[in-house]
Amino acid sequence: FEENDAQNLVVYLPKQETIFVGNYVSNNRVPALAQHHSLAEWMG
């Protein structure tokens, strides 16, 4: 998704309506901006 980011990928299964988002989403822990190229791209 992020043009300038080479650290993260997303995997999507359309038929199963399931998405694996890795470090794009953090639950019950503070997200780490260092794992992404920019704040703007991450929010986008």
PDB file of all heavy atoms in Angstrom:
ATOM      1  N   PHE A   1       0.802  -1.217   0.000  1.00  0.00           N
ATOM      2  CA  PHE A   1       0.000   0.000   0.000  1.00  0.00           C
ATOM      3  C   PHE A   1       0.841   1.277   0.000  1.00  0.00           C
ATOM      4  O   PHE A   1       0.456   2.272  -0.593  1.00  0.00           O
ATOM      5  CB  PHE A   1      -0.926   0.017   1.217  1.00  0.00           C
ATOM      6  CG  PHE A   1      -2.140  -0.849   1.057  1.00  0.00           C
ATOM      7  CD1 PHE A   1      -2.398  -1.885   1.931  1.00  0.00           C
ATOM      8  CD2 PHE A   1      -3.031  -0.630   0.022  1.00  0.00           C
ATOM      9  CE1 PHE A   1      -3.524  -2.680   1.788  1.00  0.00           C
ATOM     10  CE2 PHE A   1      -4.166  -1.418  -0.136  1.00  0.00           C
ATOM     11  CZ  PHE A   1      -4.404  -2.453   0.754  1.00  0.00           C
ATOM     12  N   GLU A   2       1.975   1.262   0.687  1.00  0.00           N
ATOM     13  CA  GLU A   2       2.765   2.487   0.829  1.00  0.00           C
ATOM     14  C   GLU A   2       3.863   2.524  -0.226  1.00  0.00           C
ATOM     15  O   GLU A   2       4.723   1.646  -0.279  1.00  0.00           O
ATOM     16  CB  GLU A   2       3.375   2.563   2.232  1.00  0.00           C
ATOM     17  CG  GLU A   2       2.336   2.619   3.337  1.00  0.00           C
ATOM     18  CD  GLU A   2       2.952   2.749   4.714  1.00  0.00           C
ATOM     19  OE1 GLU A   2       4.078   3.268   4.815  1.00  0.00           O
ATOM     20  OE2 GLU A   2       2.316   2.337   5.691  1.00  0.00           O
ATOM     21  N   GLU A   3       3.852   3.550  -1.042  1.00  0.00           N
ATOM     22  CA  GLU A   3       4.798   3.663  -2.144  1.00  0.00           C
ATOM     23  C   GLU A   3       6.249   3.683  -1.655  1.00  0.00           C
ATOM     24  O   GLU A   3       7.136   3.083  -2.263  1.00  0.00           O
ATOM     25  CB  GLU A   3       4.498   4.933  -2.946  1.00  0.00           C
ATOM     26  CG  GLU A   3       5.419   5.129  -4.141  1.00  0.00           C
ATOM     27  CD  GLU A   3       5.091   6.387  -4.913  1.00  0.00           C
ATOM     28  OE1 GLU A   3       4.059   7.033  -4.596  1.00  0.00           O
ATOM     29  OE2 GLU A   3       5.862   6.743  -5.826  1.00  0.00           O
ATOM     30  N   ASN A   4       6.499   4.386  -0.556  1.00  0.00           N
ATOM     31  CA  ASN A   4       7.874   4.565  -0.081  1.00  0.00           C
ATOM     32  C   ASN A   4       8.275   3.581   1.020  1.00  0.00           C
ATOM     33  O   ASN A   4       9.361   3.686   1.578  1.00  0.00           O
ATOM     34  CB  ASN A   4       8.055   5.993   0.437  1.00  0.00           C
ATOM     35  CG  ASN A   4       7.841   7.028  -0.655  1.00  0.00           C
ATOM     36  OD1 ASN A   4       8.473   6.970  -1.698  1.00  0.00           O
ATOM     37  ND2 ASN A   4       6.916   7.949  -0.429  1.00  0.00           N
ATOM     38  N   ASP A   5       7.400   2.656   1.338  1.00  0.00           N
ATOM     39  CA  ASP A   5       7.684   1.718   2.418  1.00  0.00           C
ATOM     40  C   ASP A   5       8.032   0.357   1.850  1.00  0.00           C
ATOM     41  O   ASP A   5       7.291  -0.196   1.039  1.00  0.00           O
ATOM     42  CB  ASP A   5       6.467   1.595   3.340  1.00  0.00           C
ATOM     43  CG  ASP A   5       6.687   0.566   4.445  1.00  0.00           C
ATOM     44  OD1 ASP A   5       7.809   0.517   4.970  1.00  0.00           O
ATOM     45  OD2 ASP A   5       5.743  -0.169   4.764  1.00  0.00           O
ATOM     46  N   ALA A   6       9.161  -0.201   2.272  1.00  0.00           N
ATOM     47  CA  ALA A   6       9.589  -1.517   1.797  1.00  0.00           C
ATOM     48  C   ALA A   6       9.618  -2.527   2.938  1.00  0.00           C
ATOM     49  O   ALA A   6      10.211  -3.595   2.815  1.00  0.00           O
ATOM     50  CB  ALA A   6      10.975  -1.413   1.151  1.00  0.00           C
ATOM     51  N   GLN A   7       8.976  -2.192   4.080  1.00  0.00           N
ATOM     52  CA  GLN A   7       9.045  -3.052   5.258  1.00  0.00           C
ATOM     53  C   GLN A   7       7.777  -3.853   5.516  1.00  0.00           C
ATOM     54  O   GLN A   7       7.794  -4.807   6.298  1.00  0.00           O
ATOM     55  CB  GLN A   7       9.314  -2.198   6.510  1.00  0.00           C
ATOM     56  CG  GLN A   7      10.606  -1.428   6.487  1.00  0.00           C
ATOM     57  CD  GLN A   7      10.792  -0.655   7.778  1.00  0.00           C
ATOM     58  OE1 GLN A   7      11.043  -1.230   8.837  1.00  0.00           O
ATOM     59  NE2 GLN A   7      10.655   0.654   7.705  1.00  0.00           N
ATOM     60  N   ASN A   8       6.653  -3.488   4.872  1.00  0.00           N
ATOM     61  CA  ASN A   8       5.374  -4.088   5.235  1.00  0.00           C
ATOM     62  C   ASN A   8       4.558  -4.500   4.012  1.00  0.00           C
ATOM     63  O   ASN A   8       4.576  -3.826   2.978  1.00  0.00           O
ATOM     64  CB  ASN A   8       4.550  -3.097   6.064  1.00  0.00           C
ATOM     65  CG  ASN A   8       5.246  -2.700   7.354  1.00  0.00           C
ATOM     66  OD1 ASN A   8       5.234  -3.454   8.319  1.00  0.00           O
ATOM     67  ND2 ASN A   8       5.849  -1.519   7.371  1.00  0.00           N
ATOM     68  N   LEU A   9       3.831  -5.606   4.171  1.00  0.00           N
ATOM     69  CA  LEU A   9       2.912  -6.085   3.153  1.00  0.00           C
ATOM     70  C   LEU A   9       1.584  -6.452   3.811  1.00  0.00           C
ATOM     71  O   LEU A   9       1.529  -6.703   5.018  1.00  0.00           O
ATOM     72  CB  LEU A   9       3.474  -7.327   2.445  1.00  0.00           C
ATOM     73  CG  LEU A   9       4.757  -7.158   1.629  1.00  0.00           C
ATOM     74  CD1 LEU A   9       5.265  -8.522   1.165  1.00  0.00           C
ATOM     75  CD2 LEU A   9       4.533  -6.240   0.432  1.00  0.00           C
ATOM     76  N   VAL A  10       0.533  -6.500   3.004  1.00  0.00           N
ATOM     77  CA  VAL A  10      -0.784  -6.933   3.459  1.00  0.00           C
ATOM     78  C   VAL A  10      -1.200  -8.123   2.600  1.00  0.00           C
ATOM     79  O   VAL A  10      -0.937  -8.151   1.390  1.00  0.00           O
ATOM     80  CB  VAL A  10      -1.812  -5.792   3.327  1.00  0.00           C
ATOM     81  CG1 VAL A  10      -3.236  -6.313   3.484  1.00  0.00           C
ATOM     82  CG2 VAL A  10      -1.531  -4.715   4.371  1.00  0.00           C
ATOM     83  N   VAL A  11      -1.832  -9.115   3.210  1.00  0.00           N
ATOM     84  CA  VAL A  11      -2.321 -10.278   2.479  1.00  0.00           C
ATOM     85  C   VAL A  11      -3.843 -10.310   2.575  1.00  0.00           C
ATOM     86  O   VAL A  11      -4.406 -10.203   3.668  1.00  0.00           O
ATOM     87  CB  VAL A  11      -1.723 -11.588   3.046  1.00  0.00           C
ATOM     88  CG1 VAL A  11      -2.271 -12.793   2.286  1.00  0.00           C
ATOM     89  CG2 VAL A  11      -0.196 -11.558   2.960  1.00  0.00           C
ATOM     90  N   TYR A  12      -4.500 -10.464   1.442  1.00  0.00           N
ATOM     91  CA  TYR A  12      -5.959 -10.372   1.381  1.00  0.00           C
ATOM     92  C   TYR A  12      -6.541 -11.610   0.704  1.00  0.00           C
ATOM     93  O   TYR A  12      -6.077 -12.037  -0.358  1.00  0.00           O
ATOM     94  CB  TYR A  12      -6.345  -9.110   0.612  1.00  0.00           C
ATOM     95  CG  TYR A  12      -7.833  -8.918   0.393  1.00  0.00           C
ATOM     96  CD1 TYR A  12      -8.731  -8.947   1.457  1.00  0.00           C
ATOM     97  CD2 TYR A  12      -8.335  -8.677  -0.887  1.00  0.00           C
ATOM     98  CE1 TYR A  12     -10.085  -8.756   1.258  1.00  0.00           C
ATOM     99  CE2 TYR A  12      -9.692  -8.472  -1.095  1.00  0.00           C
ATOM    100  CZ  TYR A  12     -10.562  -8.519  -0.025  1.00  0.00           C
ATOM    101  OH  TYR A  12     -11.911  -8.330  -0.228  1.00  0.00           O
ATOM    102  N   LEU A  13      -7.547 -12.194   1.331  1.00  0.00           N
ATOM    103  CA  LEU A  13      -8.281 -13.335   0.779  1.00  0.00           C
ATOM    104  C   LEU A  13      -9.704 -12.882   0.449  1.00  0.00           C
ATOM    105  O   LEU A  13     -10.554 -12.819   1.342  1.00  0.00           O
ATOM    106  CB  LEU A  13      -8.331 -14.481   1.789  1.00  0.00           C
ATOM    107  CG  LEU A  13      -7.008 -15.161   2.154  1.00  0.00           C
ATOM    108  CD1 LEU A  13      -7.224 -16.118   3.319  1.00  0.00           C
ATOM    109  CD2 LEU A  13      -6.435 -15.905   0.966  1.00  0.00           C
ATOM    110  N   PRO A  14      -9.986 -12.524  -0.811  1.00  0.00           N
ATOM    111  CA  PRO A  14     -11.323 -12.006  -1.148  1.00  0.00           C
ATOM    112  C   PRO A  14     -12.445 -12.997  -0.856  1.00  0.00           C
ATOM    113  O   PRO A  14     -13.478 -12.626  -0.300  1.00  0.00           O
ATOM    114  CB  PRO A  14     -11.208 -11.728  -2.657  1.00  0.00           C
ATOM    115  CG  PRO A  14      -9.748 -11.626  -2.930  1.00  0.00           C
ATOM    116  CD  PRO A  14      -9.071 -12.538  -1.962  1.00  0.00           C
ATOM    117  N   LYS A  15     -12.250 -14.267  -1.222  1.00  0.00           N
ATOM    118  CA  LYS A  15     -13.304 -15.265  -1.049  1.00  0.00           C
ATOM    119  C   LYS A  15     -13.626 -15.477   0.425  1.00  0.00           C
ATOM    120  O   LYS A  15     -14.794 -15.585   0.813  1.00  0.00           O
ATOM    121  CB  LYS A  15     -12.876 -16.587  -1.688  1.00  0.00           C
ATOM    122  CG  LYS A  15     -13.938 -17.669  -1.622  1.00  0.00           C
ATOM    123  CD  LYS A  15     -13.460 -18.949  -2.306  1.00  0.00           C
ATOM    124  CE  LYS A  15     -14.502 -20.050  -2.211  1.00  0.00           C
ATOM    125  NZ  LYS A  15     -14.031 -21.302  -2.865  1.00  0.00           N
ATOM    126  N   GLN A  16     -12.597 -15.532   1.256  1.00  0.00           N
ATOM    127  CA  GLN A  16     -12.797 -15.730   2.698  1.00  0.00           C
ATOM    128  C   GLN A  16     -13.069 -14.432   3.434  1.00  0.00           C
ATOM    129  O   GLN A  16     -13.259 -14.434   4.651  1.00  0.00           O
ATOM    130  CB  GLN A  16     -11.576 -16.420   3.312  1.00  0.00           C
ATOM    131  CG  GLN A  16     -11.385 -17.865   2.906  1.00  0.00           C
ATOM    132  CD  GLN A  16     -10.578 -17.997   1.601  1.00  0.00           C
ATOM    133  OE1 GLN A  16     -10.412 -17.031   0.860  1.00  0.00           O
ATOM    134  NE2 GLN A  16     -10.084 -19.191   1.321  1.00  0.00           N
ATOM    135  N   GLU A  17     -13.033 -13.302   2.727  1.00  0.00           N
ATOM    136  CA  GLU A  17     -13.276 -11.979   3.307  1.00  0.00           C
ATOM    137  C   GLU A  17     -12.384 -11.758   4.535  1.00  0.00           C
ATOM    138  O   GLU A  17     -12.827 -11.297   5.580  1.00  0.00           O
ATOM    139  CB  GLU A  17     -14.756 -11.822   3.683  1.00  0.00           C
ATOM    140  CG  GLU A  17     -15.700 -11.922   2.497  1.00  0.00           C
ATOM    141  CD  GLU A  17     -17.154 -11.769   2.900  1.00  0.00           C
ATOM    142  OE1 GLU A  17     -17.685 -12.706   3.521  1.00  0.00           O
ATOM    143  OE2 GLU A  17     -17.753 -10.717   2.596  1.00  0.00           O
ATOM    144  N   THR A  18     -11.111 -12.087   4.362  1.00  0.00           N
ATOM    145  CA  THR A  18     -10.148 -12.018   5.463  1.00  0.00           C
ATOM    146  C   THR A  18      -8.917 -11.252   5.015  1.00  0.00           C
ATOM    147  O   THR A  18      -8.442 -11.425   3.885  1.00  0.00           O
ATOM    148  CB  THR A  18      -9.738 -13.441   5.906  1.00  0.00           C
ATOM    149  OG1 THR A  18     -10.900 -14.146   6.337  1.00  0.00           O
ATOM    150  CG2 THR A  18      -8.746 -13.391   7.049  1.00  0.00           C
ATOM    151  N   ILE A  19      -8.393 -10.410   5.901  1.00  0.00           N
ATOM    152  CA  ILE A  19      -7.215  -9.614   5.577  1.00  0.00           C
ATOM    153  C   ILE A  19      -6.198  -9.715   6.716  1.00  0.00           C
ATOM    154  O   ILE A  19      -6.550  -9.629   7.891  1.00  0.00           O
ATOM    155  CB  ILE A  19      -7.596  -8.137   5.284  1.00  0.00           C
ATOM    156  CG1 ILE A  19      -6.395  -7.359   4.742  1.00  0.00           C
ATOM    157  CG2 ILE A  19      -8.216  -7.460   6.498  1.00  0.00           C
ATOM    158  CD1 ILE A  19      -6.789  -6.011   4.134  1.00  0.00           C
ATOM    159  N   PHE A  20      -4.931  -9.928   6.348  1.00  0.00           N
ATOM    160  CA  PHE A  20      -3.837 -10.007   7.308  1.00  0.00           C
ATOM    161  C   PHE A  20      -3.018  -8.726   7.164  1.00  0.00           C
ATOM    162  O   PHE A  20      -2.411  -8.491   6.122  1.00  0.00           O
ATOM    163  CB  PHE A  20      -2.963 -11.234   7.025  1.00  0.00           C
ATOM    164  CG  PHE A  20      -3.723 -12.527   6.990  1.00  0.00           C
ATOM    165  CD1 PHE A  20      -4.236 -13.016   5.783  1.00  0.00           C
ATOM    166  CD2 PHE A  20      -3.936 -13.263   8.141  1.00  0.00           C
ATOM    167  CE1 PHE A  20      -4.950 -14.207   5.737  1.00  0.00           C
ATOM    168  CE2 PHE A  20      -4.649 -14.460   8.108  1.00  0.00           C
ATOM    169  CZ  PHE A  20      -5.153 -14.928   6.900  1.00  0.00           C
ATOM    170  N   VAL A  21      -3.024  -7.897   8.196  1.00  0.00           N
ATOM    171  CA  VAL A  21      -2.468  -6.544   8.071  1.00  0.00           C
ATOM    172  C   VAL A  21      -1.139  -6.349   8.797  1.00  0.00           C
ATOM    173  O   VAL A  21      -0.585  -5.245   8.791  1.00  0.00           O
ATOM    174  CB  VAL A  21      -3.487  -5.495   8.565  1.00  0.00           C
ATOM    175  CG1 VAL A  21      -4.705  -5.473   7.661  1.00  0.00           C
ATOM    176  CG2 VAL A  21      -3.894  -5.778  10.011  1.00  0.00           C
ATOM    177  N   GLY A  22      -0.611  -7.386   9.441  1.00  0.00           N
ATOM    178  CA  GLY A  22       0.696  -7.285  10.073  1.00  0.00           C
ATOM    179  C   GLY A  22       0.814  -6.113  11.023  1.00  0.00           C
ATOM    180  O   GLY A  22      -0.049  -5.881  11.874  1.00  0.00           O
ATOM    181  N   ASN A  23       1.870  -5.319  10.859  1.00  0.00           N
ATOM    182  CA  ASN A  23       2.151  -4.204  11.769  1.00  0.00           C
ATOM    183  C   ASN A  23       1.383  -2.921  11.435  1.00  0.00           C
ATOM    184  O   ASN A  23       1.626  -1.887  12.060  1.00  0.00           O
ATOM    185  CB  ASN A  23       3.648  -3.891  11.776  1.00  0.00           C
ATOM    186  CG  ASN A  23       4.432  -4.903  12.592  1.00  0.00           C
ATOM    187  OD1 ASN A  23       3.942  -5.442  13.564  1.00  0.00           O
ATOM    188  ND2 ASN A  23       5.660  -5.180  12.173  1.00  0.00           N
ATOM    189  N   TYR A  24       0.475  -2.982  10.480  1.00  0.00           N
ATOM    190  CA  TYR A  24      -0.341  -1.790  10.212  1.00  0.00           C
ATOM    191  C   TYR A  24      -1.348  -1.533  11.332  1.00  0.00           C
ATOM    192  O   TYR A  24      -1.802  -0.409  11.516  1.00  0.00           O
ATOM    193  CB  TYR A  24      -1.086  -1.920   8.878  1.00  0.00           C
ATOM    194  CG  TYR A  24      -0.224  -1.624   7.684  1.00  0.00           C
ATOM    195  CD1 TYR A  24       0.105  -2.612   6.763  1.00  0.00           C
ATOM    196  CD2 TYR A  24       0.279  -0.343   7.476  1.00  0.00           C
ATOM    197  CE1 TYR A  24       0.903  -2.333   5.672  1.00  0.00           C
ATOM    198  CE2 TYR A  24       1.082  -0.051   6.387  1.00  0.00           C
ATOM    199  CZ  TYR A  24       1.390  -1.052   5.485  1.00  0.00           C
ATOM    200  OH  TYR A  24       2.189  -0.775   4.407  1.00  0.00           O
ATOM    201  N   VAL A  25      -1.709  -2.573  12.062  1.00  0.00           N
ATOM    202  CA  VAL A  25      -2.677  -2.430  13.144  1.00  0.00           C
ATOM    203  C   VAL A  25      -2.076  -2.972  14.430  1.00  0.00           C
ATOM    204  O   VAL A  25      -1.520  -4.076  14.445  1.00  0.00           O
ATOM    205  CB  VAL A  25      -3.984  -3.183  12.819  1.00  0.00           C
ATOM    206  CG1 VAL A  25      -4.928  -3.166  14.012  1.00  0.00           C
ATOM    207  CG2 VAL A  25      -4.661  -2.557  11.593  1.00  0.00           C
ATOM    208  N   SER A  26      -2.160  -2.186  15.512  1.00  0.00           N
ATOM    209  CA  SER A  26      -1.663  -2.598  16.816  1.00  0.00           C
ATOM    210  C   SER A  26      -2.818  -2.601  17.805  1.00  0.00           C
ATOM    211  O   SER A  26      -3.523  -1.608  17.940  1.00  0.00           O
ATOM    212  CB  SER A  26      -0.573  -1.636  17.315  1.00  0.00           C
ATOM    213  OG  SER A  26       0.584  -1.718  16.505  1.00  0.00           O
ATOM    214  N   ASN A  27      -2.992  -3.716  18.493  1.00  0.00           N
ATOM    215  CA  ASN A  27      -4.049  -3.821  19.487  1.00  0.00           C
ATOM    216  C   ASN A  27      -3.460  -3.946  20.879  1.00  0.00           C
ATOM    217  O   ASN A  27      -2.592  -4.791  21.123  1.00  0.00           O
ATOM    218  CB  ASN A  27      -4.933  -5.037  19.198  1.00  0.00           C
ATOM    219  CG  ASN A  27      -5.850  -4.799  18.017  1.00  0.00           C
ATOM    220  OD1 ASN A  27      -6.520  -3.772  17.951  1.00  0.00           O
ATOM    221  ND2 ASN A  27      -5.869  -5.709  17.074  1.00  0.00           N
ATOM    222  N   ASN A  28      -3.921  -3.085  21.771  1.00  0.00           N
ATOM    223  CA  ASN A  28      -3.498  -3.095  23.169  1.00  0.00           C
ATOM    224  C   ASN A  28      -1.990  -2.906  23.320  1.00  0.00           C
ATOM    225  O   ASN A  28      -1.369  -3.395  24.256  1.00  0.00           O
ATOM    226  CB  ASN A  28      -3.929  -4.406  23.855  1.00  0.00           C
ATOM    227  CG  ASN A  28      -4.143  -4.213  25.342  1.00  0.00           C
ATOM    228  OD1 ASN A  28      -4.471  -3.120  25.794  1.00  0.00           O
ATOM    229  ND2 ASN A  28      -3.958  -5.262  26.113  1.00  0.00           N
ATOM    230  N   ARG A  29      -1.386  -2.181  22.398  1.00  0.00           N
ATOM    231  CA  ARG A  29       0.029  -1.814  22.476  1.00  0.00           C
ATOM    232  C   ARG A  29       0.233  -0.571  21.615  1.00  0.00           C
ATOM    233  O   ARG A  29      -0.489  -0.346  20.642  1.00  0.00           O
ATOM    234  CB  ARG A  29       0.929  -2.953  22.007  1.00  0.00           C
ATOM    235  CG  ARG A  29       0.607  -3.476  20.629  1.00  0.00           C
ATOM    236  CD  ARG A  29       1.346  -4.763  20.331  1.00  0.00           C
ATOM    237  NE  ARG A  29       2.725  -4.524  19.935  1.00  0.00           N
ATOM    238  CZ  ARG A  29       3.725  -5.321  20.250  1.00  0.00           C
ATOM    239  NH1 ARG A  29       3.518  -6.378  21.008  1.00  0.00           N
ATOM    240  NH2 ARG A  29       4.942  -5.076  19.843  1.00  0.00           N
ATOM    241  N   VAL A  30       1.195   0.232  21.974  1.00  0.00           N
ATOM    242  CA  VAL A  30       1.460   1.469  21.234  1.00  0.00           C
ATOM    243  C   VAL A  30       2.101   1.130  19.893  1.00  0.00           C
ATOM    244  O   VAL A  30       3.068   0.367  19.848  1.00  0.00           O
ATOM    245  CB  VAL A  30       2.376   2.401  22.049  1.00  0.00           C
ATOM    246  CG1 VAL A  30       2.805   3.595  21.213  1.00  0.00           C
ATOM    247  CG2 VAL A  30       1.653   2.873  23.310  1.00  0.00           C
ATOM    248  N   PRO A  31       1.586   1.667  18.786  1.00  0.00           N
ATOM    249  CA  PRO A  31       2.176   1.398  17.477  1.00  0.00           C
ATOM    250  C   PRO A  31       3.581   1.981  17.370  1.00  0.00           C
ATOM    251  O   PRO A  31       3.916   2.947  18.061  1.00  0.00           O
ATOM    252  CB  PRO A  31       1.218   2.111  16.508  1.00  0.00           C
ATOM    253  CG  PRO A  31      -0.031   2.347  17.280  1.00  0.00           C
ATOM    254  CD  PRO A  31       0.381   2.509  18.709  1.00  0.00           C
ATOM    255  N   ALA A  32       4.395   1.411  16.502  1.00  0.00           N
ATOM    256  CA  ALA A  32       5.770   1.881  16.311  1.00  0.00           C
ATOM    257  C   ALA A  32       5.902   2.536  14.943  1.00  0.00           C
ATOM    258  O   ALA A  32       5.856   1.863  13.916  1.00  0.00           O
ATOM    259  CB  ALA A  32       6.754   0.727  16.457  1.00  0.00           C
ATOM    260  N   LEU A  33       6.065   3.845  14.928  1.00  0.00           N
ATOM    261  CA  LEU A  33       6.185   4.586  13.673  1.00  0.00           C
ATOM    262  C   LEU A  33       7.479   4.226  12.944  1.00  0.00           C
ATOM    263  O   LEU A  33       7.578   4.358  11.723  1.00  0.00           O
ATOM    264  CB  LEU A  33       6.132   6.089  13.958  1.00  0.00           C
ATOM    265  CG  LEU A  33       5.976   7.043  12.773  1.00  0.00           C
ATOM    266  CD1 LEU A  33       4.816   6.630  11.876  1.00  0.00           C
ATOM    267  CD2 LEU A  33       5.788   8.466  13.277  1.00  0.00           C
ATOM    268  N   ALA A  34       8.484   3.741  13.671  1.00  0.00           N
ATOM    269  CA  ALA A  34       9.752   3.356  13.056  1.00  0.00           C
ATOM    270  C   ALA A  34       9.587   2.217  12.056  1.00  0.00           C
ATOM    271  O   ALA A  34      10.430   2.020  11.174  1.00  0.00           O
ATOM    272  CB  ALA A  34      10.763   2.956  14.134  1.00  0.00           C
ATOM    273  N   GLN A  35       8.508   1.462  12.188  1.00  0.00           N
ATOM    274  CA  GLN A  35       8.270   0.333  11.294  1.00  0.00           C
ATOM    275  C   GLN A  35       7.585   0.761   9.994  1.00  0.00           C
ATOM    276  O   GLN A  35       7.262  -0.087   9.157  1.00  0.00           O
ATOM    277  CB  GLN A  35       7.411  -0.710  12.006  1.00  0.00           C
ATOM    278  CG  GLN A  35       8.101  -1.342  13.214  1.00  0.00           C
ATOM    279  CD  GLN A  35       7.151  -2.178  14.063  1.00  0.00           C
ATOM    280  OE1 GLN A  35       5.941  -2.176  13.861  1.00  0.00           O
ATOM    281  NE2 GLN A  35       7.715  -2.893  15.035  1.00  0.00           N
ATOM    282  N   HIS A  36       7.395   2.089   9.817  1.00  0.00           N
ATOM    283  CA  HIS A  36       6.724   2.598   8.625  1.00  0.00           C
ATOM    284  C   HIS A  36       7.486   3.800   8.084  1.00  0.00           C
ATOM    285  O   HIS A  36       8.200   4.494   8.813  1.00  0.00           O
ATOM    286  CB  HIS A  36       5.286   2.980   8.951  1.00  0.00           C
ATOM    287  CG  HIS A  36       4.487   1.819   9.477  1.00  0.00           C
ATOM    288  ND1 HIS A  36       3.739   1.002   8.663  1.00  0.00           N
ATOM    289  CD2 HIS A  36       4.355   1.323  10.738  1.00  0.00           C
ATOM    290  CE1 HIS A  36       3.172   0.053   9.394  1.00  0.00           C
ATOM    291  NE2 HIS A  36       3.523   0.227  10.652  1.00  0.00           N
ATOM    292  N   HIS A  37       7.293   4.063   6.794  1.00  0.00           N
ATOM    293  CA  HIS A  37       8.030   5.157   6.169  1.00  0.00           C
ATOM    294  C   HIS A  37       7.574   6.516   6.663  1.00  0.00           C
ATOM    295  O   HIS A  37       8.396   7.401   6.914  1.00  0.00           O
ATOM    296  CB  HIS A  37       7.864   5.081   4.646  1.00  0.00           C
ATOM    297  CG  HIS A  37       8.568   6.185   3.915  1.00  0.00           C
ATOM    298  ND1 HIS A  37       7.912   7.331   3.505  1.00  0.00           N
ATOM    299  CD2 HIS A  37       9.862   6.330   3.555  1.00  0.00           C
ATOM    300  CE1 HIS A  37       8.788   8.133   2.906  1.00  0.00           C
ATOM    301  NE2 HIS A  37       9.963   7.557   2.917  1.00  0.00           N
ATOM    302  N   SER A  38       6.269   6.704   6.816  1.00  0.00           N
ATOM    303  CA  SER A  38       5.777   8.010   7.242  1.00  0.00           C
ATOM    304  C   SER A  38       4.433   7.886   7.944  1.00  0.00           C
ATOM    305  O   SER A  38       3.683   6.930   7.727  1.00  0.00           O
ATOM    306  CB  SER A  38       5.642   8.963   6.049  1.00  0.00           C
ATOM    307  OG  SER A  38       4.477   8.671   5.299  1.00  0.00           O
ATOM    308  N   LEU A  39       4.145   8.863   8.773  1.00  0.00           N
ATOM    309  CA  LEU A  39       2.864   8.938   9.464  1.00  0.00           C
ATOM    310  C   LEU A  39       1.723   9.093   8.476  1.00  0.00           C
ATOM    311  O   LEU A  39       0.688   8.430   8.573  1.00  0.00           O
ATOM    312  CB  LEU A  39       2.885  10.119  10.441  1.00  0.00           C
ATOM    313  CG  LEU A  39       1.588  10.436  11.193  1.00  0.00           C
ATOM    314  CD1 LEU A  39       1.168   9.268  12.065  1.00  0.00           C
ATOM    315  CD2 LEU A  39       1.764  11.698  12.039  1.00  0.00           C
ATOM    316  N   ALA A  40       1.908   9.968   7.483  1.00  0.00           N
ATOM    317  CA  ALA A  40       0.849  10.230   6.507  1.00  0.00           C
ATOM    318  C   ALA A  40       0.512   8.987   5.703  1.00  0.00           C
ATOM    319  O   ALA A  40      -0.663   8.654   5.493  1.00  0.00           O
ATOM    320  CB  ALA A  40       1.275  11.358   5.571  1.00  0.00           C
ATOM    321  N   GLU A  41       1.547   8.278   5.244  1.00  0.00           N
ATOM    322  CA  GLU A  41       1.294   7.071   4.450  1.00  0.00           C
ATOM    323  C   GLU A  41       0.625   5.988   5.284  1.00  0.00           C
ATOM    324  O   GLU A  41      -0.252   5.255   4.810  1.00  0.00           O
ATOM    325  CB  GLU A  41       2.602   6.541   3.853  1.00  0.00           C
ATOM    326  CG  GLU A  41       3.083   7.305   2.644  1.00  0.00           C
ATOM    327  CD  GLU A  41       4.143   6.562   1.864  1.00  0.00           C
ATOM    328  OE1 GLU A  41       4.871   5.727   2.460  1.00  0.00           O
ATOM    329  OE2 GLU A  41       4.247   6.810   0.655  1.00  0.00           O
ATOM    330  N   TRP A  42       1.039   5.861   6.529  1.00  0.00           N
ATOM    331  CA  TRP A  42       0.440   4.856   7.404  1.00  0.00           C
ATOM    332  C   TRP A  42      -1.052   5.148   7.610  1.00  0.00           C
ATOM    333  O   TRP A  42      -1.900   4.267   7.493  1.00  0.00           O
ATOM    334  CB  TRP A  42       1.172   4.836   8.744  1.00  0.00           C
ATOM    335  CG  TRP A  42       0.799   3.701   9.644  1.00  0.00           C
ATOM    336  CD1 TRP A  42      -0.169   2.762   9.437  1.00  0.00           C
ATOM    337  CD2 TRP A  42       1.395   3.381  10.901  1.00  0.00           C
ATOM    338  NE1 TRP A  42      -0.212   1.871  10.486  1.00  0.00           N
ATOM    339  CE2 TRP A  42       0.734   2.233  11.395  1.00  0.00           C
ATOM    340  CE3 TRP A  42       2.414   3.950  11.655  1.00  0.00           C
ATOM    341  CZ2 TRP A  42       1.077   1.651  12.619  1.00  0.00           C
ATOM    342  CZ3 TRP A  42       2.760   3.368  12.871  1.00  0.00           C
ATOM    343  CH2 TRP A  42       2.097   2.235  13.346  1.00  0.00           C
ATOM    344  N   MET A  43      -1.378   6.409   7.895  1.00  0.00           N
ATOM    345  CA  MET A  43      -2.781   6.765   8.089  1.00  0.00           C
ATOM    346  C   MET A  43      -3.582   6.565   6.803  1.00  0.00           C
ATOM    347  O   MET A  43      -4.740   6.137   6.824  1.00  0.00           O
ATOM    348  CB  MET A  43      -2.880   8.214   8.568  1.00  0.00           C
ATOM    349  CG  MET A  43      -2.277   8.435   9.951  1.00  0.00           C
ATOM    350  SD  MET A  43      -2.351  10.162  10.511  1.00  0.00           S
ATOM    351  CE  MET A  43      -4.087  10.313  10.891  1.00  0.00           C
ATOM    352  N   GLY A  44      -2.956   6.859   5.662  1.00  0.00           N
ATOM    353  CA  GLY A  44      -3.621   6.643   4.385  1.00  0.00           C
ATOM    354  C   GLY A  44      -3.881   5.168   4.123  1.00  0.00           C
ATOM    355  O   GLY A  44      -4.933   4.789   3.598  1.00  0.00           O
TER     356      GLY A  44
END
